[in-house]
Amino acid sequence: MKKLVSIVIIGLFMFTAGLVSAQDYAEKTEYSFDDDVVTGDLVRPDGELTVVRKRGKERSLIRVRQHFIPEMLKSVENL
């Protein structure tokens, strides 16, 4: 009896799954867009433009280490 009930339930499940998947493929939505003309003007702010001074030449605060590679080689020699 249990075997018969389980077979019927599985059969119903397979049947409803088949119907649902068939409905998904049957419905198809298609969108169609027409051309639209977009017109507009260039909008600028009212008032005067401000002039910003260029930055002066400044000395770099980054110093290049001249002896970096020899120092690295010394640290590796002790290993």
N, C-alpha and C. Protein backbone atom coordinates (compact mmCIF):
# COMPACT_ATOMS: atom_id res chain seq x y z
N MET A 1 0.82 -1.19 0.00
CA MET A 1 0.00 0.00 0.00
C MET A 1 0.87 1.26 0.00
N LYS A 2 1.90 1.26 0.85
CA LYS A 2 2.79 2.41 0.91
C LYS A 2 3.51 2.62 -0.42
N LYS A 3 3.83 1.52 -1.05
CA LYS A 3 4.52 1.59 -2.33
C LYS A 3 3.64 2.22 -3.40
N LEU A 4 2.37 1.89 -3.41
CA LEU A 4 1.43 2.43 -4.36
C LEU A 4 1.22 3.93 -4.15
N VAL A 5 1.10 4.33 -2.88
CA VAL A 5 0.92 5.76 -2.56
C VAL A 5 2.15 6.56 -2.98
N SER A 6 3.34 6.02 -2.71
CA SER A 6 4.56 6.74 -3.08
C SER A 6 4.70 6.85 -4.60
N ILE A 7 4.29 5.83 -5.34
CA ILE A 7 4.35 5.87 -6.80
C ILE A 7 3.38 6.92 -7.34
N VAL A 8 2.19 7.00 -6.75
CA VAL A 8 1.19 7.99 -7.18
C VAL A 8 1.70 9.41 -6.90
N ILE A 9 2.29 9.62 -5.73
CA ILE A 9 2.81 10.95 -5.37
C ILE A 9 3.95 11.35 -6.30
N ILE A 10 4.84 10.45 -6.59
CA ILE A 10 5.95 10.74 -7.50
C ILE A 10 5.42 11.03 -8.90
N GLY A 11 4.40 10.27 -9.34
CA GLY A 11 3.81 10.50 -10.65
C GLY A 11 3.16 11.87 -10.74
N LEU A 12 2.43 12.27 -9.71
CA LEU A 12 1.82 13.60 -9.69
C LEU A 12 2.88 14.71 -9.70
N PHE A 13 3.93 14.48 -8.94
CA PHE A 13 5.02 15.47 -8.90
C PHE A 13 5.65 15.63 -10.28
N MET A 14 5.91 14.55 -10.96
CA MET A 14 6.52 14.60 -12.28
C MET A 14 5.58 15.27 -13.29
N PHE A 15 4.27 14.99 -13.19
CA PHE A 15 3.28 15.56 -14.09
C PHE A 15 3.19 17.08 -13.90
N THR A 16 3.13 17.54 -12.64
CA THR A 16 3.03 18.99 -12.39
C THR A 16 4.32 19.69 -12.77
N ALA A 17 5.46 19.05 -12.57
CA ALA A 17 6.74 19.67 -12.96
C ALA A 17 6.81 19.82 -14.47
N GLY A 18 6.28 18.86 -15.19
CA GLY A 18 6.25 18.94 -16.65
C GLY A 18 5.35 20.07 -17.13
N LEU A 19 4.21 20.28 -16.47
CA LEU A 19 3.32 21.37 -16.85
C LEU A 19 3.94 22.74 -16.58
N VAL A 20 4.59 22.87 -15.44
CA VAL A 20 5.21 24.15 -15.09
C VAL A 20 6.32 24.49 -16.08
N SER A 21 7.17 23.53 -16.43
CA SER A 21 8.25 23.81 -17.36
C SER A 21 7.72 24.11 -18.75
N ALA A 22 6.60 23.49 -19.15
CA ALA A 22 6.02 23.77 -20.46
C ALA A 22 5.45 25.18 -20.51
N GLN A 23 4.92 25.68 -19.41
CA GLN A 23 4.37 27.03 -19.36
C GLN A 23 5.48 28.07 -19.44
N ASP A 24 6.63 27.80 -18.84
CA ASP A 24 7.74 28.75 -18.86
C ASP A 24 8.22 29.00 -20.28
N TYR A 25 8.27 27.97 -21.09
CA TYR A 25 8.77 28.14 -22.45
C TYR A 25 7.71 28.73 -23.37
N ALA A 26 6.43 28.56 -23.04
CA ALA A 26 5.37 29.04 -23.91
C ALA A 26 5.24 30.57 -23.84
N GLU A 27 5.49 31.16 -22.68
CA GLU A 27 5.35 32.61 -22.52
C GLU A 27 6.62 33.30 -23.00
N LYS A 28 6.45 34.26 -23.88
CA LYS A 28 7.60 34.98 -24.40
C LYS A 28 7.24 36.46 -24.43
N THR A 29 8.06 37.30 -23.84
CA THR A 29 7.80 38.73 -23.79
C THR A 29 8.75 39.43 -24.73
N GLU A 30 8.22 40.30 -25.55
CA GLU A 30 9.04 41.03 -26.51
C GLU A 30 8.76 42.52 -26.36
N TYR A 31 9.82 43.30 -26.27
CA TYR A 31 9.70 44.75 -26.13
C TYR A 31 10.18 45.41 -27.41
N SER A 32 9.47 46.44 -27.84
CA SER A 32 9.86 47.18 -29.03
C SER A 32 9.92 48.66 -28.67
N PHE A 33 11.05 49.30 -28.94
CA PHE A 33 11.24 50.71 -28.62
C PHE A 33 11.35 51.51 -29.91
N ASP A 34 10.70 52.66 -29.94
CA ASP A 34 10.79 53.57 -31.07
C ASP A 34 11.91 54.57 -30.84
N ASP A 35 12.36 55.21 -31.92
CA ASP A 35 13.42 56.21 -31.81
C ASP A 35 12.86 57.49 -31.20
N ASP A 36 13.62 58.09 -30.31
CA ASP A 36 13.25 59.37 -29.72
C ASP A 36 14.36 60.37 -30.00
N VAL A 37 13.99 61.60 -30.33
CA VAL A 37 14.95 62.66 -30.58
C VAL A 37 15.16 63.42 -29.28
N VAL A 38 16.40 63.55 -28.89
CA VAL A 38 16.74 64.27 -27.66
C VAL A 38 17.40 65.58 -28.05
N THR A 39 16.83 66.68 -27.60
CA THR A 39 17.39 68.00 -27.91
C THR A 39 17.71 68.70 -26.60
N GLY A 40 18.70 69.56 -26.66
CA GLY A 40 19.08 70.30 -25.45
C GLY A 40 20.13 71.34 -25.76
N ASP A 41 20.39 72.20 -24.81
CA ASP A 41 21.39 73.25 -24.94
C ASP A 41 22.49 73.02 -23.91
N LEU A 42 23.63 73.61 -24.19
CA LEU A 42 24.74 73.55 -23.26
C LEU A 42 24.47 74.52 -22.12
N VAL A 43 24.47 74.02 -20.91
CA VAL A 43 24.18 74.85 -19.75
C VAL A 43 25.48 75.17 -19.05
N ARG A 44 25.73 76.46 -18.85
CA ARG A 44 26.93 76.90 -18.15
C ARG A 44 26.54 77.72 -16.94
N PRO A 45 27.40 77.73 -15.92
CA PRO A 45 27.07 78.51 -14.73
C PRO A 45 27.20 80.01 -15.02
N ASP A 46 26.38 80.78 -14.35
CA ASP A 46 26.47 82.24 -14.46
C ASP A 46 27.58 82.76 -13.55
N GLY A 47 28.17 83.84 -13.93
CA GLY A 47 29.22 84.43 -13.10
C GLY A 47 30.57 84.35 -13.77
N GLU A 48 31.58 84.76 -13.01
CA GLU A 48 32.94 84.80 -13.54
C GLU A 48 33.68 83.51 -13.23
N LEU A 49 34.64 83.23 -14.08
CA LEU A 49 35.49 82.09 -13.84
C LEU A 49 36.63 82.50 -12.92
N THR A 50 37.01 81.63 -12.03
CA THR A 50 38.12 81.92 -11.14
C THR A 50 39.39 81.32 -11.71
N VAL A 51 40.48 82.03 -11.52
CA VAL A 51 41.78 81.57 -12.01
C VAL A 51 42.57 81.11 -10.80
N VAL A 52 43.13 79.92 -10.92
CA VAL A 52 43.90 79.35 -9.83
C VAL A 52 45.38 79.43 -10.18
N ARG A 53 46.17 79.84 -9.21
CA ARG A 53 47.62 79.93 -9.45
C ARG A 53 48.23 78.54 -9.54
N LYS A 54 49.28 78.45 -10.34
CA LYS A 54 50.02 77.19 -10.43
C LYS A 54 50.82 76.98 -9.16
N ARG A 55 51.00 75.72 -8.83
CA ARG A 55 51.80 75.41 -7.65
C ARG A 55 53.26 75.72 -7.91
N GLY A 56 53.91 76.25 -6.93
CA GLY A 56 55.32 76.55 -7.07
C GLY A 56 56.17 75.31 -7.08
N LYS A 57 57.39 75.45 -7.60
CA LYS A 57 58.28 74.30 -7.61
C LYS A 57 58.80 74.09 -6.20
N GLU A 58 58.49 72.93 -5.69
CA GLU A 58 58.91 72.59 -4.33
C GLU A 58 59.87 71.43 -4.39
N ARG A 59 60.72 71.40 -3.42
CA ARG A 59 61.67 70.32 -3.32
C ARG A 59 60.95 69.08 -2.79
N SER A 60 61.27 67.93 -3.35
CA SER A 60 60.63 66.69 -2.93
C SER A 60 61.12 66.29 -1.55
N LEU A 61 60.21 65.81 -0.74
CA LEU A 61 60.56 65.35 0.61
C LEU A 61 60.99 63.89 0.61
N ILE A 62 60.89 63.24 -0.52
CA ILE A 62 61.31 61.84 -0.63
C ILE A 62 62.77 61.81 -1.03
N ARG A 63 63.56 61.15 -0.22
CA ARG A 63 64.98 61.02 -0.53
C ARG A 63 65.27 59.62 -1.04
N VAL A 64 66.00 59.53 -2.11
CA VAL A 64 66.37 58.23 -2.67
C VAL A 64 67.56 57.71 -1.89
N ARG A 65 67.44 56.48 -1.41
CA ARG A 65 68.55 55.88 -0.66
C ARG A 65 69.56 55.31 -1.64
N GLN A 66 70.75 55.83 -1.62
CA GLN A 66 71.78 55.43 -2.57
C GLN A 66 72.34 54.04 -2.25
N HIS A 67 72.34 53.66 -0.97
CA HIS A 67 72.98 52.40 -0.57
C HIS A 67 71.95 51.33 -0.23
N PHE A 68 70.80 51.37 -0.84
CA PHE A 68 69.74 50.43 -0.49
C PHE A 68 70.09 49.00 -0.90
N ILE A 69 70.54 48.79 -2.11
CA ILE A 69 70.83 47.42 -2.59
C ILE A 69 71.99 46.80 -1.82
N PRO A 70 73.09 47.50 -1.60
CA PRO A 70 74.15 46.88 -0.79
C PRO A 70 73.69 46.54 0.63
N GLU A 71 72.85 47.38 1.24
CA GLU A 71 72.34 47.08 2.58
C GLU A 71 71.46 45.83 2.56
N MET A 72 70.67 45.66 1.51
CA MET A 72 69.84 44.47 1.40
C MET A 72 70.70 43.23 1.25
N LEU A 73 71.76 43.30 0.47
CA LEU A 73 72.66 42.16 0.30
C LEU A 73 73.37 41.80 1.59
N LYS A 74 73.73 42.80 2.39
CA LYS A 74 74.36 42.53 3.69
C LYS A 74 73.42 41.81 4.61
N SER A 75 72.14 42.19 4.61
CA SER A 75 71.18 41.55 5.51
C SER A 75 70.92 40.10 5.11
N VAL A 76 71.05 39.78 3.83
CA VAL A 76 70.83 38.40 3.36
C VAL A 76 72.04 37.52 3.65
N GLU A 77 73.24 38.10 3.68
CA GLU A 77 74.46 37.32 3.90
C GLU A 77 74.47 36.67 5.27
N ASN A 78 73.83 37.26 6.24
CA ASN A 78 73.86 36.72 7.60
C ASN A 78 72.91 35.54 7.77
N LEU A 79 72.06 35.29 6.81
CA LEU A 79 71.16 34.14 6.93
C LEU A 79 71.92 32.90 6.65
